[in-house]
Amino acid sequence: MAQFEVLIVFPLIWALLITLFFHYKLSIEFTIPTFFGTKKFREKKLQSSVSKFLIKNSRVELDCSYTNAN
């Protein structure tokens, strides 16, 4: 039975780090571009709802004029 020595631990750690590096690099390169379409759609929906909200509030502000207050 092999002993778990320092000579075995460091190559295992380096192999794990290299494997994780390549895994995350590849997964990030392939998954992030797929989310850009969703992000654009979400921003578009948010901007349209925010603009509708601002238009409604601006109408309220236009109705309340302070020019008659003397």
PDB file of N, CA and C in Angstrom:
ATOM      1  N   MET A   1       0.848  -1.169   0.000  1.00  0.00           N
ATOM      2  CA  MET A   1       0.000   0.000   0.000  1.00  0.00           C
ATOM      3  C   MET A   1       0.899   1.240   0.000  1.00  0.00           C
ATOM      4  N   ALA A   2       0.588   2.181  -0.896  1.00  0.00           N
ATOM      5  CA  ALA A   2       1.414   3.379  -1.025  1.00  0.00           C
ATOM      6  C   ALA A   2       1.099   4.348   0.098  1.00  0.00           C
ATOM      7  N   GLN A   3       2.131   4.997   0.548  1.00  0.00           N
ATOM      8  CA  GLN A   3       1.946   5.997   1.592  1.00  0.00           C
ATOM      9  C   GLN A   3       1.602   7.343   0.952  1.00  0.00           C
ATOM     10  N   PHE A   4       0.857   8.132   1.672  1.00  0.00           N
ATOM     11  CA  PHE A   4       0.456   9.454   1.206  1.00  0.00           C
ATOM     12  C   PHE A   4       1.508  10.441   1.675  1.00  0.00           C
ATOM     13  N   GLU A   5       2.495  10.660   0.864  1.00  0.00           N
ATOM     14  CA  GLU A   5       3.643  11.478   1.257  1.00  0.00           C
ATOM     15  C   GLU A   5       3.585  12.848   0.593  1.00  0.00           C
ATOM     16  N   VAL A   6       4.516  13.678   0.997  1.00  0.00           N
ATOM     17  CA  VAL A   6       4.623  15.026   0.445  1.00  0.00           C
ATOM     18  C   VAL A   6       4.955  14.966  -1.037  1.00  0.00           C
ATOM     19  N   LEU A   7       5.721  13.969  -1.439  1.00  0.00           N
ATOM     20  CA  LEU A   7       6.068  13.849  -2.850  1.00  0.00           C
ATOM     21  C   LEU A   7       4.842  13.555  -3.717  1.00  0.00           C
ATOM     22  N   ILE A   8       3.816  12.996  -3.131  1.00  0.00           N
ATOM     23  CA  ILE A   8       2.596  12.703  -3.878  1.00  0.00           C
ATOM     24  C   ILE A   8       1.604  13.866  -3.777  1.00  0.00           C
ATOM     25  N   VAL A   9       1.601  14.583  -2.669  1.00  0.00           N
ATOM     26  CA  VAL A   9       0.604  15.631  -2.435  1.00  0.00           C
ATOM     27  C   VAL A   9       0.774  16.799  -3.398  1.00  0.00           C
ATOM     28  N   PHE A  10       1.979  17.293  -3.573  1.00  0.00           N
ATOM     29  CA  PHE A  10       2.180  18.475  -4.416  1.00  0.00           C
ATOM     30  C   PHE A  10       1.823  18.239  -5.882  1.00  0.00           C
ATOM     31  N   PRO A  11       2.209  17.127  -6.491  1.00  0.00           N
ATOM     32  CA  PRO A  11       1.734  16.901  -7.870  1.00  0.00           C
ATOM     33  C   PRO A  11       0.215  16.760  -7.969  1.00  0.00           C
ATOM     34  N   LEU A  12      -0.408  16.191  -6.944  1.00  0.00           N
ATOM     35  CA  LEU A  12      -1.866  16.086  -6.959  1.00  0.00           C
ATOM     36  C   LEU A  12      -2.521  17.465  -6.883  1.00  0.00           C
ATOM     37  N   ILE A  13      -1.971  18.337  -6.047  1.00  0.00           N
ATOM     38  CA  ILE A  13      -2.517  19.694  -5.924  1.00  0.00           C
ATOM     39  C   ILE A  13      -2.352  20.451  -7.239  1.00  0.00           C
ATOM     40  N   TRP A  14      -1.159  20.356  -7.854  1.00  0.00           N
ATOM     41  CA  TRP A  14      -0.928  21.041  -9.118  1.00  0.00           C
ATOM     42  C   TRP A  14      -1.834  20.497 -10.215  1.00  0.00           C
ATOM     43  N   ALA A  15      -2.013  19.189 -10.246  1.00  0.00           N
ATOM     44  CA  ALA A  15      -2.899  18.597 -11.253  1.00  0.00           C
ATOM     45  C   ALA A  15      -4.337  19.066 -11.043  1.00  0.00           C
ATOM     46  N   LEU A  16      -4.756  19.138  -9.797  1.00  0.00           N
ATOM     47  CA  LEU A  16      -6.102  19.619  -9.498  1.00  0.00           C
ATOM     48  C   LEU A  16      -6.270  21.078  -9.916  1.00  0.00           C
ATOM     49  N   LEU A  17      -5.287  21.907  -9.607  1.00  0.00           N
ATOM     50  CA  LEU A  17      -5.371  23.319  -9.984  1.00  0.00           C
ATOM     51  C   LEU A  17      -5.400  23.500 -11.497  1.00  0.00           C
ATOM     52  N   ILE A  18      -4.564  22.762 -12.197  1.00  0.00           N
ATOM     53  CA  ILE A  18      -4.538  22.862 -13.660  1.00  0.00           C
ATOM     54  C   ILE A  18      -5.864  22.393 -14.249  1.00  0.00           C
ATOM     55  N   THR A  19      -6.383  21.293 -13.725  1.00  0.00           N
ATOM     56  CA  THR A  19      -7.660  20.777 -14.212  1.00  0.00           C
ATOM     57  C   THR A  19      -8.789  21.767 -13.952  1.00  0.00           C
ATOM     58  N   LEU A  20      -8.822  22.332 -12.756  1.00  0.00           N
ATOM     59  CA  LEU A  20      -9.862  23.315 -12.446  1.00  0.00           C
ATOM     60  C   LEU A  20      -9.729  24.570 -13.298  1.00  0.00           C
ATOM     61  N   PHE A  21      -8.492  24.999 -13.550  1.00  0.00           N
ATOM     62  CA  PHE A  21      -8.265  26.172 -14.388  1.00  0.00           C
ATOM     63  C   PHE A  21      -8.840  25.953 -15.784  1.00  0.00           C
ATOM     64  N   PHE A  22      -8.516  24.824 -16.394  1.00  0.00           N
ATOM     65  CA  PHE A  22      -9.029  24.550 -17.735  1.00  0.00           C
ATOM     66  C   PHE A  22     -10.547  24.367 -17.733  1.00  0.00           C
ATOM     67  N   HIS A  23     -11.056  23.740 -16.705  1.00  0.00           N
ATOM     68  CA  HIS A  23     -12.510  23.544 -16.627  1.00  0.00           C
ATOM     69  C   HIS A  23     -13.236  24.883 -16.548  1.00  0.00           C
ATOM     70  N   TYR A  24     -12.802  25.761 -15.666  1.00  0.00           N
ATOM     71  CA  TYR A  24     -13.464  27.056 -15.528  1.00  0.00           C
ATOM     72  C   TYR A  24     -13.253  27.931 -16.758  1.00  0.00           C
ATOM     73  N   LYS A  25     -12.068  27.873 -17.346  1.00  0.00           N
ATOM     74  CA  LYS A  25     -11.796  28.665 -18.544  1.00  0.00           C
ATOM     75  C   LYS A  25     -12.712  28.237 -19.684  1.00  0.00           C
ATOM     76  N   LEU A  26     -12.831  26.948 -19.902  1.00  0.00           N
ATOM     77  CA  LEU A  26     -13.693  26.469 -20.983  1.00  0.00           C
ATOM     78  C   LEU A  26     -15.167  26.719 -20.688  1.00  0.00           C
ATOM     79  N   SER A  27     -15.579  26.500 -19.464  1.00  0.00           N
ATOM     80  CA  SER A  27     -16.993  26.704 -19.148  1.00  0.00           C
ATOM     81  C   SER A  27     -17.365  28.174 -19.227  1.00  0.00           C
ATOM     82  N   ILE A  28     -16.465  29.062 -18.840  1.00  0.00           N
ATOM     83  CA  ILE A  28     -16.745  30.497 -18.937  1.00  0.00           C
ATOM     84  C   ILE A  28     -16.791  30.931 -20.395  1.00  0.00           C
ATOM     85  N   GLU A  29     -15.882  30.417 -21.215  1.00  0.00           N
ATOM     86  CA  GLU A  29     -15.874  30.814 -22.621  1.00  0.00           C
ATOM     87  C   GLU A  29     -17.110  30.325 -23.364  1.00  0.00           C
ATOM     88  N   PHE A  30     -17.665  29.206 -22.948  1.00  0.00           N
ATOM     89  CA  PHE A  30     -18.820  28.670 -23.664  1.00  0.00           C
ATOM     90  C   PHE A  30     -20.149  29.083 -23.051  1.00  0.00           C
ATOM     91  N   THR A  31     -20.185  29.388 -21.763  1.00  0.00           N
ATOM     92  CA  THR A  31     -21.480  29.690 -21.151  1.00  0.00           C
ATOM     93  C   THR A  31     -21.804  31.175 -21.129  1.00  0.00           C
ATOM     94  N   ILE A  32     -20.816  32.034 -20.969  1.00  0.00           N
ATOM     95  CA  ILE A  32     -21.104  33.471 -20.893  1.00  0.00           C
ATOM     96  C   ILE A  32     -21.723  33.999 -22.190  1.00  0.00           C
ATOM     97  N   PRO A  33     -21.226  33.630 -23.365  1.00  0.00           N
ATOM     98  CA  PRO A  33     -21.885  34.145 -24.582  1.00  0.00           C
ATOM     99  C   PRO A  33     -23.344  33.731 -24.720  1.00  0.00           C
ATOM    100  N   THR A  34     -23.737  32.625 -24.130  1.00  0.00           N
ATOM    101  CA  THR A  34     -25.138  32.217 -24.236  1.00  0.00           C
ATOM    102  C   THR A  34     -26.042  33.085 -23.376  1.00  0.00           C
ATOM    103  N   PHE A  35     -25.497  33.752 -22.374  1.00  0.00           N
ATOM    104  CA  PHE A  35     -26.312  34.586 -21.497  1.00  0.00           C
ATOM    105  C   PHE A  35     -26.452  36.016 -22.004  1.00  0.00           C
ATOM    106  N   PHE A  36     -25.691  36.412 -23.020  1.00  0.00           N
ATOM    107  CA  PHE A  36     -25.785  37.783 -23.504  1.00  0.00           C
ATOM    108  C   PHE A  36     -27.147  38.069 -24.116  1.00  0.00           C
ATOM    109  N   GLY A  37     -27.713  37.118 -24.834  1.00  0.00           N
ATOM    110  CA  GLY A  37     -29.039  37.325 -25.411  1.00  0.00           C
ATOM    111  C   GLY A  37     -30.085  37.527 -24.343  1.00  0.00           C
ATOM    112  N   THR A  38     -30.011  36.763 -23.283  1.00  0.00           N
ATOM    113  CA  THR A  38     -30.958  36.898 -22.182  1.00  0.00           C
ATOM    114  C   THR A  38     -30.774  38.239 -21.493  1.00  0.00           C
ATOM    115  N   LYS A  39     -29.535  38.663 -21.342  1.00  0.00           N
ATOM    116  CA  LYS A  39     -29.265  39.931 -20.674  1.00  0.00           C
ATOM    117  C   LYS A  39     -29.829  41.097 -21.486  1.00  0.00           C
ATOM    118  N   LYS A  40     -29.641  41.058 -22.802  1.00  0.00           N
ATOM    119  CA  LYS A  40     -30.161  42.136 -23.639  1.00  0.00           C
ATOM    120  C   LYS A  40     -31.680  42.196 -23.557  1.00  0.00           C
ATOM    121  N   PHE A  41     -32.329  41.032 -23.599  1.00  0.00           N
ATOM    122  CA  PHE A  41     -33.788  40.998 -23.510  1.00  0.00           C
ATOM    123  C   PHE A  41     -34.249  41.543 -22.170  1.00  0.00           C
ATOM    124  N   ARG A  42     -33.556  41.160 -21.095  1.00  0.00           N
ATOM    125  CA  ARG A  42     -33.935  41.613 -19.757  1.00  0.00           C
ATOM    126  C   ARG A  42     -33.748  43.121 -19.632  1.00  0.00           C
ATOM    127  N   GLU A  43     -32.630  43.655 -20.142  1.00  0.00           N
ATOM    128  CA  GLU A  43     -32.405  45.101 -20.073  1.00  0.00           C
ATOM    129  C   GLU A  43     -33.458  45.849 -20.883  1.00  0.00           C
ATOM    130  N   LYS A  44     -33.828  45.295 -22.027  1.00  0.00           N
ATOM    131  CA  LYS A  44     -34.830  45.946 -22.856  1.00  0.00           C
ATOM    132  C   LYS A  44     -36.170  45.994 -22.133  1.00  0.00           C
ATOM    133  N   LYS A  45     -36.545  44.889 -21.520  1.00  0.00           N
ATOM    134  CA  LYS A  45     -37.802  44.854 -20.780  1.00  0.00           C
ATOM    135  C   LYS A  45     -37.755  45.811 -19.592  1.00  0.00           C
ATOM    136  N   LEU A  46     -36.629  45.853 -18.885  1.00  0.00           N
ATOM    137  CA  LEU A  46     -36.517  46.749 -17.742  1.00  0.00           C
ATOM    138  C   LEU A  46     -36.563  48.204 -18.178  1.00  0.00           C
ATOM    139  N   GLN A  47     -35.882  48.534 -19.271  1.00  0.00           N
ATOM    140  CA  GLN A  47     -35.883  49.915 -19.729  1.00  0.00           C
ATOM    141  C   GLN A  47     -37.278  50.347 -20.161  1.00  0.00           C
ATOM    142  N   SER A  48     -37.997  49.461 -20.821  1.00  0.00           N
ATOM    143  CA  SER A  48     -39.339  49.846 -21.257  1.00  0.00           C
ATOM    144  C   SER A  48     -40.269  50.026 -20.059  1.00  0.00           C
ATOM    145  N   SER A  49     -40.149  49.172 -19.055  1.00  0.00           N
ATOM    146  CA  SER A  49     -41.019  49.324 -17.887  1.00  0.00           C
ATOM    147  C   SER A  49     -40.635  50.557 -17.079  1.00  0.00           C
ATOM    148  N   VAL A  50     -39.344  50.856 -16.999  1.00  0.00           N
ATOM    149  CA  VAL A  50     -38.906  52.055 -16.282  1.00  0.00           C
ATOM    150  C   VAL A  50     -39.361  53.299 -17.027  1.00  0.00           C
ATOM    151  N   SER A  51     -39.271  53.289 -18.347  1.00  0.00           N
ATOM    152  CA  SER A  51     -39.705  54.466 -19.103  1.00  0.00           C
ATOM    153  C   SER A  51     -41.208  54.675 -18.969  1.00  0.00           C
ATOM    154  N   LYS A  52     -41.991  53.591 -18.941  1.00  0.00           N
ATOM    155  CA  LYS A  52     -43.432  53.735 -18.721  1.00  0.00           C
ATOM    156  C   LYS A  52     -43.706  54.325 -17.345  1.00  0.00           C
ATOM    157  N   PHE A  53     -42.955  53.878 -16.356  1.00  0.00           N
ATOM    158  CA  PHE A  53     -43.116  54.397 -15.003  1.00  0.00           C
ATOM    159  C   PHE A  53     -42.772  55.878 -14.952  1.00  0.00           C
ATOM    160  N   LEU A  54     -41.689  56.273 -15.621  1.00  0.00           N
ATOM    161  CA  LEU A  54     -41.288  57.677 -15.618  1.00  0.00           C
ATOM    162  C   LEU A  54     -42.290  58.547 -16.365  1.00  0.00           C
ATOM    163  N   ILE A  55     -42.846  58.021 -17.447  1.00  0.00           N
ATOM    164  CA  ILE A  55     -43.843  58.794 -18.189  1.00  0.00           C
ATOM    165  C   ILE A  55     -45.073  59.036 -17.326  1.00  0.00           C
ATOM    166  N   LYS A  56     -45.513  58.022 -16.618  1.00  0.00           N
ATOM    167  CA  LYS A  56     -46.674  58.191 -15.743  1.00  0.00           C
ATOM    168  C   LYS A  56     -46.386  59.204 -14.647  1.00  0.00           C
ATOM    169  N   ASN A  57     -45.191  59.162 -14.074  1.00  0.00           N
ATOM    170  CA  ASN A  57     -44.843  60.111 -13.019  1.00  0.00           C
ATOM    171  C   ASN A  57     -44.659  61.517 -13.569  1.00  0.00           C
ATOM    172  N   SER A  58     -44.156  61.650 -14.776  1.00  0.00           N
ATOM    173  CA  SER A  58     -43.981  62.984 -15.337  1.00  0.00           C
ATOM    174  C   SER A  58     -45.337  63.621 -15.623  1.00  0.00           C
ATOM    175  N   ARG A  59     -46.323  62.826 -15.990  1.00  0.00           N
ATOM    176  CA  ARG A  59     -47.667  63.373 -16.191  1.00  0.00           C
ATOM    177  C   ARG A  59     -48.231  63.898 -14.880  1.00  0.00           C
ATOM    178  N   VAL A  60     -47.951  63.203 -13.817  1.00  0.00           N
ATOM    179  CA  VAL A  60     -48.413  63.664 -12.510  1.00  0.00           C
ATOM    180  C   VAL A  60     -47.722  64.965 -12.150  1.00  0.00           C
ATOM    181  N   GLU A  61     -46.423  65.075 -12.433  1.00  0.00           N
ATOM    182  CA  GLU A  61     -45.693  66.301 -12.121  1.00  0.00           C
ATOM    183  C   GLU A  61     -46.180  67.459 -12.984  1.00  0.00           C
ATOM    184  N   LEU A  62     -46.538  67.193 -14.242  1.00  0.00           N
ATOM    185  CA  LEU A  62     -47.019  68.261 -15.105  1.00  0.00           C
ATOM    186  C   LEU A  62     -48.384  68.769 -14.651  1.00  0.00           C
ATOM    187  N   ASP A  63     -49.191  67.914 -14.081  1.00  0.00           N
ATOM    188  CA  ASP A  63     -50.506  68.327 -13.607  1.00  0.00           C
ATOM    189  C   ASP A  63     -50.400  69.252 -12.397  1.00  0.00           C
ATOM    190  N   CYS A  64     -49.376  69.102 -11.603  1.00  0.00           N
ATOM    191  CA  CYS A  64     -49.211  69.908 -10.390  1.00  0.00           C
ATOM    192  C   CYS A  64     -48.248  71.047 -10.691  1.00  0.00           C
ATOM    193  N   SER A  65     -48.767  72.184 -11.070  1.00  0.00           N
ATOM    194  CA  SER A  65     -47.891  73.314 -11.350  1.00  0.00           C
ATOM    195  C   SER A  65     -47.879  74.239 -10.140  1.00  0.00           C
ATOM    196  N   TYR A  66     -46.744  74.787  -9.865  1.00  0.00           N
ATOM    197  CA  TYR A  66     -46.577  75.671  -8.712  1.00  0.00           C
ATOM    198  C   TYR A  66     -46.502  77.136  -9.140  1.00  0.00           C
ATOM    199  N   THR A  67     -46.910  77.444 -10.350  1.00  0.00           N
ATOM    200  CA  THR A  67     -46.816  78.827 -10.830  1.00  0.00           C
ATOM    201  C   THR A  67     -47.904  79.708 -10.226  1.00  0.00           C
ATOM    202  N   ASN A  68     -49.007  79.141  -9.780  1.00  0.00           N
ATOM    203  CA  ASN A  68     -50.102  79.933  -9.220  1.00  0.00           C
ATOM    204  C   ASN A  68     -49.890  80.274  -7.753  1.00  0.00           C
ATOM    205  N   ALA A  69     -48.884  79.727  -7.137  1.00  0.00           N
ATOM    206  CA  ALA A  69     -48.664  79.983  -5.711  1.00  0.00           C
ATOM    207  C   ALA A  69     -47.977  81.335  -5.549  1.00  0.00           C
ATOM    208  N   ASN A  70     -48.671  82.292  -4.919  1.00  0.00           N
ATOM    209  CA  ASN A  70     -48.097  83.624  -4.668  1.00  0.00           C
ATOM    210  C   ASN A  70     -48.130  83.935  -3.202  1.00  0.00           C
TER     211      ASN A  70
END
